[in-house]
Amino acid sequence: MGWTEVPVDAEPAPGTVLLSGIPGSGKSTVAAALAARFAASAHIEVDALQDLIVSGGRWPAPEPDEEADRQIFLRARNACLLADSFAAAGFLPVIDDVVVRRAHLDFYRRRIALGPLHFVVLTPGAAKAGERNLARDKPLTTDWSFLERAMCAEVADEGVRIDNSELTVAETVDAVLAATGLVTP
């Protein structure tokens, strides 16, 4: 039996979800659970894209670091390329990234070409996010709670905010679906 090339693209997905929040807010867990609700979807975890850099990678740090900032936009660009590719093939892309600056959000808005970008911010509060971080297999060594203030200052009026401090993962996914209007099969 031989292989023949088949069309990759199909009916486009109804947009892209950009799920944000401070570290420990539940982004990755909720993004994976949200994607699992759809018959065709892709979870694009920007931290995994950063991990693709074998040499020269710089993770964000509390101190100013121009190269780390450049790589934040590099991984966002790659997330957008993947999202558009998956969306064109009919897979709903769900990106999870820490987006606290307006310039970062505007970058996503300019780069996502297919369908609307649904920006959703999980806001359990810094204390709850810190508690969740301590329960991780590999807790973060940096306290990122200050990002909550930066996020409120720069993107508070953007997208949808969901306080998931007392919600289960399933309840949070339900809230994301209700807020975005996306429909699962």
N, C-alpha and C. Protein backbone atom coordinates (compact mmCIF):
# COMPACT_ATOMS: atom_id res chain seq x y z
N MET A 1 0.84 -1.17 0.00
CA MET A 1 0.00 0.00 0.00
C MET A 1 0.89 1.24 0.00
N GLY A 2 0.64 2.16 -0.89
CA GLY A 2 1.45 3.36 -0.98
C GLY A 2 0.80 4.54 -0.28
N TRP A 3 1.62 5.49 0.00
CA TRP A 3 1.14 6.71 0.64
C TRP A 3 0.82 7.74 -0.42
N THR A 4 -0.24 8.46 -0.25
CA THR A 4 -0.56 9.59 -1.11
C THR A 4 -0.75 10.82 -0.23
N GLU A 5 -0.40 11.94 -0.78
CA GLU A 5 -0.58 13.17 -0.01
C GLU A 5 -2.06 13.48 0.10
N VAL A 6 -2.48 13.84 1.30
CA VAL A 6 -3.87 14.20 1.53
C VAL A 6 -3.91 15.63 2.06
N PRO A 7 -5.01 16.34 1.84
CA PRO A 7 -5.10 17.71 2.34
C PRO A 7 -5.00 17.74 3.87
N VAL A 8 -4.25 18.68 4.38
CA VAL A 8 -4.09 18.82 5.83
C VAL A 8 -5.19 19.71 6.39
N ASP A 9 -5.49 20.78 5.69
CA ASP A 9 -6.47 21.73 6.21
C ASP A 9 -7.89 21.24 6.00
N ALA A 10 -8.75 21.70 6.89
CA ALA A 10 -10.16 21.29 6.89
C ALA A 10 -10.99 22.53 7.23
N GLU A 11 -12.19 22.30 7.68
CA GLU A 11 -13.00 23.42 8.20
C GLU A 11 -12.25 24.01 9.39
N PRO A 12 -11.94 25.32 9.34
CA PRO A 12 -11.14 25.90 10.43
C PRO A 12 -11.83 25.82 11.78
N ALA A 13 -11.02 25.78 12.81
CA ALA A 13 -11.52 25.81 14.18
C ALA A 13 -12.16 27.18 14.45
N PRO A 14 -13.03 27.25 15.46
CA PRO A 14 -13.75 28.51 15.74
C PRO A 14 -12.93 29.56 16.49
N GLY A 15 -11.63 29.52 16.37
CA GLY A 15 -10.78 30.51 17.03
C GLY A 15 -9.69 29.84 17.82
N THR A 16 -9.08 30.63 18.68
CA THR A 16 -7.98 30.18 19.55
C THR A 16 -8.24 30.69 20.96
N VAL A 17 -7.97 29.85 21.94
CA VAL A 17 -8.06 30.27 23.34
C VAL A 17 -6.65 30.54 23.84
N LEU A 18 -6.45 31.72 24.42
CA LEU A 18 -5.20 32.06 25.09
C LEU A 18 -5.52 32.13 26.57
N LEU A 19 -5.07 31.11 27.31
CA LEU A 19 -5.35 30.99 28.74
C LEU A 19 -4.15 31.50 29.51
N SER A 20 -4.40 32.50 30.36
CA SER A 20 -3.30 33.14 31.09
C SER A 20 -3.59 33.16 32.58
N GLY A 21 -2.61 33.61 33.32
CA GLY A 21 -2.69 33.74 34.76
C GLY A 21 -1.28 33.65 35.30
N ILE A 22 -1.10 34.00 36.56
CA ILE A 22 0.23 33.93 37.14
C ILE A 22 0.62 32.47 37.35
N PRO A 23 1.91 32.16 37.51
CA PRO A 23 2.30 30.79 37.80
C PRO A 23 1.55 30.25 39.03
N GLY A 24 1.02 29.04 38.89
CA GLY A 24 0.24 28.43 39.96
C GLY A 24 -1.25 28.68 39.84
N SER A 25 -1.67 29.44 38.83
CA SER A 25 -3.09 29.75 38.68
C SER A 25 -3.89 28.59 38.09
N GLY A 26 -3.21 27.61 37.53
CA GLY A 26 -3.90 26.46 36.96
C GLY A 26 -3.96 26.45 35.45
N LYS A 27 -3.18 27.29 34.79
CA LYS A 27 -3.23 27.42 33.33
C LYS A 27 -3.04 26.10 32.60
N SER A 28 -1.96 25.42 32.88
CA SER A 28 -1.64 24.20 32.14
C SER A 28 -2.68 23.10 32.39
N THR A 29 -3.09 22.95 33.63
CA THR A 29 -4.08 21.93 33.98
C THR A 29 -5.42 22.24 33.31
N VAL A 30 -5.86 23.49 33.40
CA VAL A 30 -7.14 23.87 32.80
C VAL A 30 -7.05 23.83 31.27
N ALA A 31 -5.94 24.27 30.71
CA ALA A 31 -5.79 24.24 29.24
C ALA A 31 -5.89 22.81 28.71
N ALA A 32 -5.22 21.87 29.38
CA ALA A 32 -5.29 20.47 28.95
C ALA A 32 -6.71 19.92 29.09
N ALA A 33 -7.38 20.25 30.20
CA ALA A 33 -8.76 19.77 30.42
C ALA A 33 -9.73 20.42 29.43
N LEU A 34 -9.52 21.71 29.13
CA LEU A 34 -10.36 22.38 28.13
C LEU A 34 -10.18 21.74 26.76
N ALA A 35 -8.95 21.53 26.36
CA ALA A 35 -8.69 20.90 25.06
C ALA A 35 -9.31 19.51 24.99
N ALA A 36 -9.29 18.79 26.09
CA ALA A 36 -9.83 17.43 26.11
C ALA A 36 -11.34 17.40 25.91
N ARG A 37 -12.03 18.52 26.11
CA ARG A 37 -13.48 18.57 25.93
C ARG A 37 -13.88 18.60 24.45
N PHE A 38 -12.94 18.90 23.56
CA PHE A 38 -13.25 19.02 22.14
C PHE A 38 -12.85 17.77 21.39
N ALA A 39 -13.56 17.48 20.30
CA ALA A 39 -13.25 16.30 19.49
C ALA A 39 -11.92 16.48 18.76
N ALA A 40 -11.56 17.72 18.44
CA ALA A 40 -10.30 18.01 17.76
C ALA A 40 -9.72 19.29 18.39
N SER A 41 -8.60 19.14 19.06
CA SER A 41 -8.00 20.28 19.74
C SER A 41 -6.51 20.05 19.93
N ALA A 42 -5.80 21.10 20.32
CA ALA A 42 -4.37 21.01 20.61
C ALA A 42 -4.05 21.91 21.79
N HIS A 43 -3.32 21.39 22.75
CA HIS A 43 -2.85 22.18 23.89
C HIS A 43 -1.44 22.63 23.57
N ILE A 44 -1.24 23.93 23.47
CA ILE A 44 0.07 24.50 23.16
C ILE A 44 0.60 25.15 24.43
N GLU A 45 1.54 24.49 25.05
CA GLU A 45 2.11 24.96 26.31
C GLU A 45 3.40 25.71 26.00
N VAL A 46 3.42 27.01 26.22
CA VAL A 46 4.59 27.81 25.83
C VAL A 46 5.84 27.40 26.60
N ASP A 47 5.70 26.90 27.81
CA ASP A 47 6.88 26.42 28.53
C ASP A 47 7.53 25.26 27.78
N ALA A 48 6.72 24.42 27.16
CA ALA A 48 7.27 23.31 26.37
C ALA A 48 8.00 23.85 25.14
N LEU A 49 7.51 24.95 24.58
CA LEU A 49 8.22 25.56 23.45
C LEU A 49 9.57 26.11 23.90
N GLN A 50 9.61 26.70 25.09
CA GLN A 50 10.89 27.20 25.63
C GLN A 50 11.85 26.03 25.82
N ASP A 51 11.32 24.89 26.25
CA ASP A 51 12.17 23.70 26.45
C ASP A 51 12.79 23.18 25.17
N LEU A 52 12.24 23.57 24.01
CA LEU A 52 12.83 23.14 22.74
C LEU A 52 14.19 23.77 22.48
N ILE A 53 14.46 24.88 23.15
CA ILE A 53 15.76 25.53 22.98
C ILE A 53 16.80 24.70 23.73
N VAL A 54 17.73 24.15 22.97
CA VAL A 54 18.73 23.26 23.54
C VAL A 54 19.90 24.05 24.15
N SER A 55 20.27 25.13 23.51
CA SER A 55 21.40 25.92 23.98
C SER A 55 21.06 27.40 23.83
N GLY A 56 21.34 28.17 24.86
CA GLY A 56 21.11 29.61 24.81
C GLY A 56 19.76 30.06 25.33
N GLY A 57 18.98 29.12 25.83
CA GLY A 57 17.66 29.48 26.34
C GLY A 57 17.76 30.30 27.62
N ARG A 58 16.86 31.26 27.74
CA ARG A 58 16.81 32.09 28.94
C ARG A 58 15.36 32.17 29.40
N TRP A 59 15.09 31.66 30.58
CA TRP A 59 13.77 31.74 31.16
C TRP A 59 13.55 33.13 31.75
N PRO A 60 12.31 33.57 31.78
CA PRO A 60 12.02 34.86 32.42
C PRO A 60 12.48 34.84 33.88
N ALA A 61 12.89 36.01 34.36
CA ALA A 61 13.33 36.17 35.74
C ALA A 61 12.76 37.50 36.24
N PRO A 62 12.68 37.66 37.56
CA PRO A 62 12.17 38.93 38.09
C PRO A 62 13.02 40.13 37.70
N GLU A 63 14.33 39.92 37.51
CA GLU A 63 15.22 41.01 37.13
C GLU A 63 15.11 41.25 35.63
N PRO A 64 15.31 42.49 35.18
CA PRO A 64 15.28 42.78 33.75
C PRO A 64 16.32 41.94 32.99
N ASP A 65 15.91 41.35 31.89
CA ASP A 65 16.80 40.53 31.07
C ASP A 65 16.31 40.62 29.63
N GLU A 66 17.00 41.40 28.83
CA GLU A 66 16.57 41.65 27.46
C GLU A 66 16.49 40.37 26.64
N GLU A 67 17.42 39.46 26.82
CA GLU A 67 17.40 38.21 26.05
C GLU A 67 16.22 37.33 26.47
N ALA A 68 15.94 37.26 27.76
CA ALA A 68 14.78 36.49 28.22
C ALA A 68 13.49 37.10 27.66
N ASP A 69 13.42 38.43 27.63
CA ASP A 69 12.24 39.10 27.06
C ASP A 69 12.11 38.77 25.57
N ARG A 70 13.21 38.77 24.85
CA ARG A 70 13.17 38.42 23.43
C ARG A 70 12.63 37.00 23.24
N GLN A 71 13.06 36.11 24.12
CA GLN A 71 12.61 34.72 24.00
C GLN A 71 11.14 34.55 24.39
N ILE A 72 10.62 35.43 25.25
CA ILE A 72 9.18 35.41 25.55
C ILE A 72 8.40 35.63 24.25
N PHE A 73 8.85 36.59 23.45
CA PHE A 73 8.18 36.88 22.18
C PHE A 73 8.46 35.79 21.15
N LEU A 74 9.63 35.17 21.19
CA LEU A 74 9.93 34.07 20.28
C LEU A 74 8.98 32.90 20.53
N ARG A 75 8.81 32.54 21.80
CA ARG A 75 7.91 31.42 22.07
C ARG A 75 6.46 31.79 21.79
N ALA A 76 6.08 33.05 22.00
CA ALA A 76 4.73 33.49 21.62
C ALA A 76 4.54 33.40 20.11
N ARG A 77 5.56 33.81 19.35
CA ARG A 77 5.46 33.71 17.89
C ARG A 77 5.29 32.25 17.47
N ASN A 78 6.07 31.37 18.07
CA ASN A 78 5.95 29.95 17.72
C ASN A 78 4.61 29.38 18.15
N ALA A 79 4.08 29.82 19.29
CA ALA A 79 2.76 29.38 19.72
C ALA A 79 1.70 29.82 18.71
N CYS A 80 1.84 31.04 18.19
CA CYS A 80 0.87 31.55 17.20
C CYS A 80 0.97 30.78 15.89
N LEU A 81 2.18 30.47 15.46
CA LEU A 81 2.36 29.68 14.23
C LEU A 81 1.69 28.31 14.39
N LEU A 82 1.93 27.67 15.53
CA LEU A 82 1.30 26.38 15.78
C LEU A 82 -0.22 26.51 15.87
N ALA A 83 -0.68 27.53 16.57
CA ALA A 83 -2.12 27.72 16.73
C ALA A 83 -2.79 27.90 15.37
N ASP A 84 -2.23 28.74 14.52
CA ASP A 84 -2.83 28.95 13.19
C ASP A 84 -2.80 27.68 12.36
N SER A 85 -1.73 26.91 12.46
CA SER A 85 -1.64 25.66 11.72
C SER A 85 -2.69 24.66 12.20
N PHE A 86 -2.82 24.52 13.53
CA PHE A 86 -3.84 23.62 14.07
C PHE A 86 -5.24 24.11 13.74
N ALA A 87 -5.48 25.41 13.88
CA ALA A 87 -6.81 25.96 13.59
C ALA A 87 -7.19 25.73 12.13
N ALA A 88 -6.25 25.92 11.21
CA ALA A 88 -6.53 25.69 9.78
C ALA A 88 -6.88 24.24 9.50
N ALA A 89 -6.35 23.34 10.32
CA ALA A 89 -6.62 21.91 10.15
C ALA A 89 -7.86 21.46 10.93
N GLY A 90 -8.55 22.42 11.58
CA GLY A 90 -9.78 22.11 12.28
C GLY A 90 -9.62 21.75 13.75
N PHE A 91 -8.43 21.95 14.31
CA PHE A 91 -8.18 21.65 15.72
C PHE A 91 -8.23 22.95 16.52
N LEU A 92 -9.03 23.00 17.56
CA LEU A 92 -9.10 24.19 18.41
C LEU A 92 -7.80 24.32 19.19
N PRO A 93 -7.04 25.39 18.98
CA PRO A 93 -5.81 25.58 19.75
C PRO A 93 -6.11 26.21 21.11
N VAL A 94 -5.49 25.67 22.15
CA VAL A 94 -5.58 26.24 23.49
C VAL A 94 -4.14 26.50 23.93
N ILE A 95 -3.79 27.77 23.97
CA ILE A 95 -2.43 28.19 24.35
C ILE A 95 -2.44 28.54 25.83
N ASP A 96 -1.44 28.07 26.58
CA ASP A 96 -1.32 28.57 27.95
C ASP A 96 0.02 29.29 28.08
N ASP A 97 -0.08 30.53 28.55
CA ASP A 97 1.09 31.38 28.68
C ASP A 97 0.82 32.42 29.78
N VAL A 98 1.87 32.87 30.43
CA VAL A 98 1.78 33.96 31.39
C VAL A 98 1.86 35.26 30.60
N VAL A 99 0.71 35.89 30.42
CA VAL A 99 0.64 37.14 29.65
C VAL A 99 0.23 38.25 30.61
N VAL A 100 1.21 39.06 31.01
CA VAL A 100 0.93 40.10 31.99
C VAL A 100 1.08 41.50 31.42
N ARG A 101 1.70 41.62 30.28
CA ARG A 101 1.95 42.94 29.68
C ARG A 101 1.08 43.13 28.44
N ARG A 102 0.60 44.34 28.25
CA ARG A 102 -0.23 44.68 27.09
C ARG A 102 0.53 44.40 25.79
N ALA A 103 1.82 44.70 25.74
CA ALA A 103 2.60 44.46 24.53
C ALA A 103 2.60 42.97 24.17
N HIS A 104 2.64 42.11 25.16
CA HIS A 104 2.63 40.67 24.94
C HIS A 104 1.26 40.23 24.38
N LEU A 105 0.19 40.72 24.99
CA LEU A 105 -1.15 40.40 24.51
C LEU A 105 -1.36 40.94 23.10
N ASP A 106 -0.94 42.18 22.85
CA ASP A 106 -1.07 42.76 21.51
C ASP A 106 -0.30 41.96 20.47
N PHE A 107 0.85 41.42 20.87
CA PHE A 107 1.63 40.57 19.98
C PHE A 107 0.81 39.35 19.56
N TYR A 108 0.19 38.69 20.54
CA TYR A 108 -0.68 37.55 20.23
C TYR A 108 -1.81 37.97 19.30
N ARG A 109 -2.42 39.09 19.59
CA ARG A 109 -3.55 39.54 18.76
C ARG A 109 -3.13 39.81 17.32
N ARG A 110 -1.94 40.36 17.14
CA ARG A 110 -1.46 40.62 15.77
C ARG A 110 -1.08 39.34 15.04
N ARG A 111 -0.59 38.35 15.77
CA ARG A 111 -0.04 37.15 15.14
C ARG A 111 -1.07 36.04 14.88
N ILE A 112 -2.12 35.97 15.66
CA ILE A 112 -3.15 34.94 15.43
C ILE A 112 -3.98 35.40 14.24
N ALA A 113 -3.94 34.60 13.18
CA ALA A 113 -4.60 35.01 11.93
C ALA A 113 -5.99 34.40 11.75
N LEU A 114 -6.23 33.24 12.33
CA LEU A 114 -7.49 32.53 12.08
C LEU A 114 -8.45 32.64 13.26
N GLY A 115 -9.62 33.14 12.98
CA GLY A 115 -10.69 33.20 13.99
C GLY A 115 -10.38 34.15 15.12
N PRO A 116 -11.33 34.30 16.02
CA PRO A 116 -11.10 35.21 17.15
C PRO A 116 -10.12 34.61 18.15
N LEU A 117 -9.44 35.50 18.87
CA LEU A 117 -8.57 35.11 19.98
C LEU A 117 -9.37 35.33 21.26
N HIS A 118 -9.64 34.26 21.98
CA HIS A 118 -10.37 34.33 23.25
C HIS A 118 -9.34 34.40 24.37
N PHE A 119 -9.16 35.59 24.95
CA PHE A 119 -8.19 35.79 26.02
C PHE A 119 -8.89 35.58 27.36
N VAL A 120 -8.45 34.57 28.11
CA VAL A 120 -9.05 34.22 29.39
C VAL A 120 -7.95 34.21 30.45
N VAL A 121 -8.20 34.92 31.54
CA VAL A 121 -7.23 35.02 32.63
C VAL A 121 -7.80 34.32 33.87
N LEU A 122 -7.04 33.37 34.39
CA LEU A 122 -7.41 32.71 35.64
C LEU A 122 -6.85 33.53 36.80
N THR A 123 -7.71 33.86 37.76
CA THR A 123 -7.33 34.76 38.86
C THR A 123 -7.66 34.16 40.22
N PRO A 124 -6.94 33.12 40.63
CA PRO A 124 -7.21 32.55 41.95
C PRO A 124 -6.66 33.39 43.09
N GLY A 125 -5.86 34.39 42.79
CA GLY A 125 -5.19 35.18 43.81
C GLY A 125 -3.80 34.64 44.08
N ALA A 126 -2.92 35.53 44.50
CA ALA A 126 -1.52 35.16 44.71
C ALA A 126 -1.36 34.09 45.80
N ALA A 127 -2.15 34.19 46.87
CA ALA A 127 -2.02 33.22 47.96
C ALA A 127 -2.39 31.81 47.49
N LYS A 128 -3.50 31.69 46.77
CA LYS A 128 -3.94 30.37 46.29
C LYS A 128 -2.95 29.83 45.26
N ALA A 129 -2.45 30.70 44.37
CA ALA A 129 -1.47 30.27 43.38
C ALA A 129 -0.20 29.79 44.07
N GLY A 130 0.22 30.48 45.13
CA GLY A 130 1.39 30.05 45.89
C GLY A 130 1.18 28.70 46.56
N GLU A 131 -0.02 28.50 47.09
CA GLU A 131 -0.37 27.22 47.72
C GLU A 131 -0.32 26.10 46.69
N ARG A 132 -0.87 26.35 45.50
CA ARG A 132 -0.85 25.34 44.44
C ARG A 132 0.57 25.05 43.99
N ASN A 133 1.39 26.08 43.94
CA ASN A 133 2.78 25.88 43.52
C ASN A 133 3.52 24.96 44.48
N LEU A 134 3.26 25.12 45.77
CA LEU A 134 3.93 24.26 46.76
C LEU A 134 3.51 22.81 46.64
N ALA A 135 2.33 22.56 46.08
CA ALA A 135 1.83 21.19 45.93
C ALA A 135 2.34 20.52 44.65
N ARG A 136 3.04 21.25 43.79
CA ARG A 136 3.55 20.68 42.54
C ARG A 136 4.66 19.68 42.81
N ASP A 137 4.88 18.80 41.83
CA ASP A 137 6.01 17.87 41.92
C ASP A 137 7.33 18.64 41.95
N LYS A 138 7.42 19.68 41.14
CA LYS A 138 8.62 20.52 41.09
C LYS A 138 8.21 21.96 41.35
N PRO A 139 8.13 22.36 42.63
CA PRO A 139 7.71 23.73 42.94
C PRO A 139 8.65 24.76 42.32
N LEU A 140 8.09 25.91 41.95
CA LEU A 140 8.91 27.01 41.44
C LEU A 140 9.77 27.55 42.57
N THR A 141 10.97 27.95 42.25
CA THR A 141 11.86 28.49 43.26
C THR A 141 11.74 30.01 43.37
N THR A 142 11.04 30.62 42.42
CA THR A 142 10.86 32.07 42.42
C THR A 142 9.42 32.40 42.79
N ASP A 143 9.25 33.40 43.63
CA ASP A 143 7.92 33.88 43.98
C ASP A 143 7.47 34.84 42.88
N TRP A 144 6.47 34.44 42.11
CA TRP A 144 5.98 35.23 40.98
C TRP A 144 4.71 36.00 41.33
N SER A 145 4.35 36.08 42.60
CA SER A 145 3.08 36.71 42.98
C SER A 145 3.02 38.18 42.55
N PHE A 146 4.17 38.84 42.42
CA PHE A 146 4.18 40.24 42.00
C PHE A 146 3.59 40.42 40.60
N LEU A 147 3.56 39.35 39.81
CA LEU A 147 2.99 39.43 38.46
C LEU A 147 1.50 39.73 38.50
N GLU A 148 0.84 39.37 39.58
CA GLU A 148 -0.59 39.66 39.71
C GLU A 148 -0.84 41.16 39.64
N ARG A 149 -0.01 41.95 40.31
CA ARG A 149 -0.15 43.41 40.27
C ARG A 149 0.12 43.94 38.86
N ALA A 150 1.17 43.42 38.23
CA ALA A 150 1.50 43.86 36.87
C ALA A 150 0.36 43.52 35.91
N MET A 151 -0.21 42.34 36.06
CA MET A 151 -1.31 41.91 35.19
C MET A 151 -2.52 42.82 35.39
N CYS A 152 -2.82 43.14 36.63
CA CYS A 152 -3.96 44.03 36.91
C CYS A 152 -3.70 45.42 36.33
N ALA A 153 -2.47 45.88 36.38
CA ALA A 153 -2.16 47.22 35.88
C ALA A 153 -2.21 47.30 34.35
N GLU A 154 -1.85 46.22 33.67
CA GLU A 154 -1.71 46.31 32.21
C GLU A 154 -2.82 45.66 31.40
N VAL A 155 -3.41 44.57 31.87
CA VAL A 155 -4.41 43.87 31.05
C VAL A 155 -5.71 43.59 31.80
N ALA A 156 -5.96 44.34 32.86
CA ALA A 156 -7.17 44.11 33.66
C ALA A 156 -8.44 44.30 32.86
N ASP A 157 -8.41 45.17 31.88
CA ASP A 157 -9.61 45.47 31.09
C ASP A 157 -9.70 44.62 29.82
N GLU A 158 -8.86 43.61 29.71
CA GLU A 158 -8.82 42.78 28.51
C GLU A 158 -9.35 41.38 28.78
N GLY A 159 -10.07 40.82 27.84
CA GLY A 159 -10.51 39.44 27.92
C GLY A 159 -11.49 39.18 29.04
N VAL A 160 -11.49 37.94 29.48
CA VAL A 160 -12.40 37.47 30.52
C VAL A 160 -11.57 37.02 31.71
N ARG A 161 -12.00 37.38 32.89
CA ARG A 161 -11.31 36.97 34.12
C ARG A 161 -12.18 35.96 34.86
N ILE A 162 -11.56 34.88 35.29
CA ILE A 162 -12.27 33.84 36.02
C ILE A 162 -11.54 33.57 37.33
N ASP A 163 -12.23 33.82 38.44
CA ASP A 163 -11.68 33.50 39.76
C ASP A 163 -11.89 32.01 39.98
N ASN A 164 -10.82 31.25 39.86
CA ASN A 164 -10.90 29.80 40.01
C ASN A 164 -10.33 29.33 41.35
N SER A 165 -10.29 30.23 42.32
CA SER A 165 -9.71 29.88 43.62
C SER A 165 -10.48 28.77 44.32
N GLU A 166 -11.79 28.72 44.13
CA GLU A 166 -12.61 27.70 44.79
C GLU A 166 -13.28 26.77 43.79
N LEU A 167 -12.88 26.83 42.52
CA LEU A 167 -13.49 25.98 41.49
C LEU A 167 -12.63 24.74 41.24
N THR A 168 -13.29 23.65 40.91
CA THR A 168 -12.56 22.47 40.45
C THR A 168 -12.07 22.75 39.03
N VAL A 169 -11.23 21.87 38.52
CA VAL A 169 -10.77 22.02 37.14
C VAL A 169 -11.97 21.95 36.19
N ALA A 170 -12.87 20.99 36.40
CA ALA A 170 -14.04 20.85 35.53
C ALA A 170 -14.92 22.10 35.59
N GLU A 171 -15.12 22.66 36.78
CA GLU A 171 -15.92 23.88 36.91
C GLU A 171 -15.25 25.06 36.22
N THR A 172 -13.93 25.11 36.29
CA THR A 172 -13.19 26.18 35.63
C THR A 172 -13.32 26.05 34.12
N VAL A 173 -13.22 24.83 33.60
CA VAL A 173 -13.41 24.61 32.16
C VAL A 173 -14.82 25.03 31.75
N ASP A 174 -15.83 24.68 32.55
CA ASP A 174 -17.20 25.10 32.25
C ASP A 174 -17.29 26.63 32.19
N ALA A 175 -16.62 27.30 33.11
CA ALA A 175 -16.63 28.77 33.14
C ALA A 175 -15.95 29.35 31.91
N VAL A 176 -14.86 28.74 31.47
CA VAL A 176 -14.17 29.19 30.26
C VAL A 176 -15.09 29.02 29.04
N LEU A 177 -15.73 27.87 28.95
CA LEU A 177 -16.65 27.63 27.83
C LEU A 177 -17.80 28.64 27.82
N ALA A 178 -18.36 28.89 29.00
CA ALA A 178 -19.47 29.86 29.08
C ALA A 178 -19.00 31.25 28.69
N ALA A 179 -17.82 31.64 29.12
CA ALA A 179 -17.31 32.98 28.86
C ALA A 179 -16.93 33.20 27.40
N THR A 180 -16.46 32.15 26.75
CA THR A 180 -16.01 32.29 25.36
C THR A 180 -17.10 31.98 24.35
N GLY A 181 -18.12 31.26 24.77
CA GLY A 181 -19.18 30.86 23.84
C GLY A 181 -18.79 29.67 22.99
N LEU A 182 -17.65 29.07 23.26
CA LEU A 182 -17.24 27.90 22.50
C LEU A 182 -18.12 26.71 22.89
N VAL A 183 -18.43 25.88 21.92
CA VAL A 183 -19.35 24.76 22.15
C VAL A 183 -18.60 23.44 21.90
N THR A 184 -18.73 22.53 22.86
CA THR A 184 -18.13 21.21 22.71
C THR A 184 -19.18 20.27 22.11
N PRO A 185 -18.70 19.19 21.49
CA PRO A 185 -19.66 18.24 20.91
C PRO A 185 -20.47 17.50 21.97
